[in-house]
N, C-alpha and C. Protein backbone atom coordinates (compact mmCIF):
# COMPACT_ATOMS: atom_id res chain seq x y z
N MET A 1 273.11 -104.44 -10.33
CA MET A 1 274.35 -104.41 -10.71
C MET A 1 274.74 -103.12 -10.26
N PHE A 2 273.82 -101.78 -9.89
CA PHE A 2 273.99 -100.54 -9.51
C PHE A 2 274.43 -101.00 -7.94
N GLY A 3 275.95 -100.22 -7.31
CA GLY A 3 275.94 -100.43 -5.74
C GLY A 3 276.78 -101.95 -5.94
N PHE A 4 276.90 -102.77 -6.89
CA PHE A 4 277.93 -103.80 -6.58
C PHE A 4 278.87 -103.91 -7.42
N LYS A 5 280.12 -103.64 -6.85
CA LYS A 5 281.59 -103.47 -7.67
C LYS A 5 282.18 -105.08 -7.43
N THR A 6 282.90 -104.88 -8.59
CA THR A 6 283.62 -106.34 -8.61
C THR A 6 285.04 -105.98 -7.43
N GLU A 7 285.50 -107.04 -7.17
CA GLU A 7 286.93 -107.08 -6.38
C GLU A 7 287.60 -106.01 -6.90
N GLU A 8 288.41 -106.07 -8.39
CA GLU A 8 288.98 -105.11 -8.88
C GLU A 8 288.54 -103.88 -8.49
N GLU A 9 287.49 -103.42 -9.14
CA GLU A 9 287.11 -101.70 -8.88
C GLU A 9 286.87 -101.33 -7.10
N LYS A 10 286.60 -102.51 -6.20
CA LYS A 10 287.02 -102.13 -4.73
C LYS A 10 288.21 -101.80 -4.27
N PHE A 11 289.02 -102.82 -5.07
CA PHE A 11 290.66 -102.10 -5.09
C PHE A 11 290.69 -101.17 -5.68
N LYS A 12 290.56 -100.40 -6.43
CA LYS A 12 290.76 -99.31 -7.44
C LYS A 12 290.28 -97.80 -6.62
N LEU A 13 288.90 -98.25 -5.89
CA LEU A 13 288.33 -97.30 -5.33
C LEU A 13 289.31 -97.15 -3.74
N ALA A 14 289.78 -98.26 -3.26
CA ALA A 14 290.51 -97.96 -2.18
C ALA A 14 291.44 -97.55 -2.48
N ASP A 15 292.39 -97.78 -3.30
CA ASP A 15 293.46 -97.24 -3.79
C ASP A 15 293.44 -95.80 -3.86
N TYR A 16 292.23 -95.02 -4.78
CA TYR A 16 292.19 -93.87 -5.00
C TYR A 16 291.75 -93.32 -3.94
N ASP A 17 291.25 -93.90 -2.96
CA ASP A 17 291.19 -92.92 -1.77
C ASP A 17 292.25 -92.68 -0.62
N ARG A 18 293.16 -94.17 -0.75
CA ARG A 18 294.31 -93.74 0.05
C ARG A 18 295.24 -92.43 -1.19
N ILE A 19 295.17 -92.71 -2.31
CA ILE A 19 295.90 -91.60 -2.86
C ILE A 19 295.14 -90.17 -2.14
N LYS A 20 293.90 -90.05 -2.40
CA LYS A 20 293.56 -88.91 -2.26
C LYS A 20 293.96 -88.27 -0.79
N ARG A 21 293.64 -89.45 0.26
CA ARG A 21 294.08 -88.90 1.64
C ARG A 21 295.65 -88.63 1.50
N GLU A 22 296.75 -88.96 1.10
CA GLU A 22 298.40 -88.65 0.84
C GLU A 22 298.20 -87.33 0.27
N LEU A 23 297.46 -87.38 -1.12
CA LEU A 23 297.44 -86.01 -1.37
C LEU A 23 297.00 -84.98 -0.62
N GLU A 24 295.74 -85.22 0.15
CA GLU A 24 295.72 -83.85 0.93
C GLU A 24 296.17 -83.64 2.01
N SER A 25 297.11 -84.97 2.65
CA SER A 25 298.16 -85.09 3.66
C SER A 25 299.46 -84.15 3.12
N THR A 26 299.68 -84.28 2.05
CA THR A 26 301.24 -83.71 1.48
C THR A 26 300.48 -82.32 0.83
N GLN A 27 299.20 -81.90 0.75
CA GLN A 27 298.89 -80.28 0.71
C GLN A 27 299.11 -79.82 2.05
N GLN A 28 298.60 -80.15 3.12
CA GLN A 28 298.42 -79.86 4.03
C GLN A 28 299.78 -79.50 4.92
N SER A 29 300.93 -80.48 4.65
CA SER A 29 302.04 -80.78 4.84
C SER A 29 302.96 -79.41 4.23
N LEU A 30 302.71 -79.34 3.00
CA LEU A 30 303.13 -78.02 2.13
C LEU A 30 302.52 -76.63 2.55
N VAL A 31 301.58 -76.82 3.14
CA VAL A 31 301.12 -75.28 4.16
C VAL A 31 301.87 -75.23 5.09
N ASN A 32 301.67 -76.14 5.87
CA ASN A 32 302.57 -76.12 7.16
C ASN A 32 304.16 -75.77 6.99
N CYS A 33 304.90 -76.01 5.92
CA CYS A 33 306.16 -75.77 5.48
C CYS A 33 306.34 -74.29 4.94
N GLU A 34 305.27 -73.88 4.20
CA GLU A 34 305.36 -72.50 4.08
C GLU A 34 305.11 -71.78 5.41
N LYS A 35 304.36 -71.95 5.92
CA LYS A 35 304.17 -70.97 7.18
C LYS A 35 305.22 -70.93 7.95
N SER A 36 305.92 -72.07 8.10
CA SER A 36 306.99 -72.23 8.83
C SER A 36 307.96 -71.61 8.23
N ARG A 37 308.43 -71.71 6.99
CA ARG A 37 309.52 -70.60 6.22
C ARG A 37 309.28 -69.33 6.36
N GLN A 38 307.79 -69.45 6.37
CA GLN A 38 307.37 -67.15 6.33
C GLN A 38 308.12 -67.05 7.96
N ASP A 39 307.65 -67.85 8.89
CA ASP A 39 308.18 -67.55 10.20
C ASP A 39 309.58 -67.35 10.26
N TRP A 40 310.21 -68.37 9.59
CA TRP A 40 311.54 -68.04 9.47
C TRP A 40 312.23 -66.77 8.58
N ILE A 41 311.77 -66.44 8.00
CA ILE A 41 311.99 -65.43 7.48
C ILE A 41 311.60 -64.18 8.05
N ASP A 42 310.63 -64.21 8.50
CA ASP A 42 310.31 -63.13 9.59
C ASP A 42 311.06 -63.24 10.67
N PHE A 43 311.48 -63.78 11.17
CA PHE A 43 312.47 -64.12 12.34
C PHE A 43 313.84 -63.57 11.70
N ALA A 44 314.49 -64.01 10.57
CA ALA A 44 315.68 -63.42 10.00
C ALA A 44 315.84 -61.80 9.89
N ASN A 45 314.35 -61.49 9.16
CA ASN A 45 314.02 -59.86 9.28
C ASN A 45 314.27 -59.30 10.06
N ASP A 46 313.58 -59.71 11.38
CA ASP A 46 313.66 -58.95 12.57
C ASP A 46 315.14 -59.12 13.57
N LEU A 47 315.76 -60.11 13.21
CA LEU A 47 317.52 -59.99 13.36
C LEU A 47 318.06 -58.88 12.45
N GLN A 48 317.80 -59.28 11.61
CA GLN A 48 318.21 -58.09 10.41
C GLN A 48 318.05 -56.85 11.27
N GLU A 49 316.87 -56.32 11.36
CA GLU A 49 316.63 -55.08 11.84
C GLU A 49 317.35 -55.19 13.10
N GLU A 50 317.22 -56.03 14.08
CA GLU A 50 317.95 -55.87 15.18
C GLU A 50 319.60 -55.36 15.43
N ASN A 51 320.21 -56.10 14.34
CA ASN A 51 321.62 -55.88 14.10
C ASN A 51 321.89 -54.73 13.36
N ARG A 52 320.83 -53.80 12.67
CA ARG A 52 321.14 -52.85 12.09
C ARG A 52 321.42 -51.37 13.27
N ASN A 53 320.31 -51.74 14.08
CA ASN A 53 320.22 -50.50 15.24
C ASN A 53 321.15 -50.88 16.24
N LEU A 54 321.88 -51.96 16.38
CA LEU A 54 323.05 -52.21 17.56
C LEU A 54 324.15 -51.86 16.54
N PHE A 55 324.25 -52.22 15.08
CA PHE A 55 325.65 -51.64 14.63
C PHE A 55 325.54 -49.76 15.02
N ALA A 56 324.29 -49.25 14.62
CA ALA A 56 324.21 -47.69 14.47
C ALA A 56 324.37 -47.50 15.80
N GLU A 57 323.94 -47.93 17.12
CA GLU A 57 324.29 -47.68 18.35
C GLU A 57 325.83 -47.94 18.84
N ASN A 58 326.45 -49.20 18.29
CA ASN A 58 327.70 -49.02 18.18
C ASN A 58 328.35 -48.11 17.63
N GLU A 59 327.93 -47.82 16.29
CA GLU A 59 329.07 -46.66 15.63
C GLU A 59 329.14 -45.15 16.56
N GLN A 60 327.73 -44.94 16.92
CA GLN A 60 327.41 -43.71 18.01
C GLN A 60 328.32 -43.83 19.01
N HIS A 61 328.52 -45.08 19.72
CA HIS A 61 329.28 -44.95 20.73
C HIS A 61 330.94 -45.02 20.50
N ARG A 62 331.13 -45.50 19.41
CA ARG A 62 332.45 -45.45 18.71
C ARG A 62 332.88 -44.03 18.24
N LYS A 63 332.17 -43.29 18.12
CA LYS A 63 332.51 -41.65 17.49
C LYS A 63 332.44 -41.09 19.12
N ASN A 64 331.43 -41.19 19.75
CA ASN A 64 331.51 -40.57 21.26
C ASN A 64 333.03 -40.86 21.91
N ASP A 65 333.61 -42.22 21.84
CA ASP A 65 334.59 -42.75 22.68
C ASP A 65 335.64 -41.79 21.86
N ALA A 66 335.96 -41.51 20.73
CA ALA A 66 336.98 -40.64 19.89
C ALA A 66 337.04 -39.09 20.47
N ILE A 67 335.41 -38.79 20.57
CA ILE A 67 335.51 -37.28 20.87
C ILE A 67 336.08 -37.12 22.36
N ARG A 68 335.53 -38.07 23.04
CA ARG A 68 336.04 -37.79 24.28
C ARG A 68 337.68 -37.99 24.43
N GLN A 69 338.12 -39.16 23.66
CA GLN A 69 339.57 -39.30 23.51
C GLN A 69 340.25 -37.69 23.19
N LYS A 70 339.43 -36.73 22.09
CA LYS A 70 339.84 -35.95 21.38
C LYS A 70 340.02 -34.53 22.82
N LEU A 71 338.76 -34.54 23.31
CA LEU A 71 339.13 -33.79 24.84
C LEU A 71 339.82 -33.69 25.72
N ALA A 72 339.90 -35.45 26.06
CA ALA A 72 340.86 -35.96 27.12
C ALA A 72 342.45 -35.23 26.59
N LEU A 73 342.73 -35.23 25.55
CA LEU A 73 344.36 -34.66 25.07
C LEU A 73 343.86 -33.31 25.44
N VAL A 74 343.07 -32.68 24.70
CA VAL A 74 343.21 -31.07 24.51
C VAL A 74 343.22 -30.68 26.66
N LYS A 75 342.56 -31.17 26.96
CA LYS A 75 342.50 -30.62 28.39
C LYS A 75 343.90 -30.60 28.99
């Protein structure tokens, strides 16, 4: 009797194996999604930092332009 399975047992085992493979696939997809999500977060943070730097640079140019205009009026 050992090693011999009924058709119903074989069907259940096959179904469990299929479900197990689907679960493993879903878990891997979740890991991949989390990595992709983290990559997008890192990208967004990099863009924010670049935007802050450009804003600071633009602000400095604006101040320099204002000073140049004042100096031009003084001359």
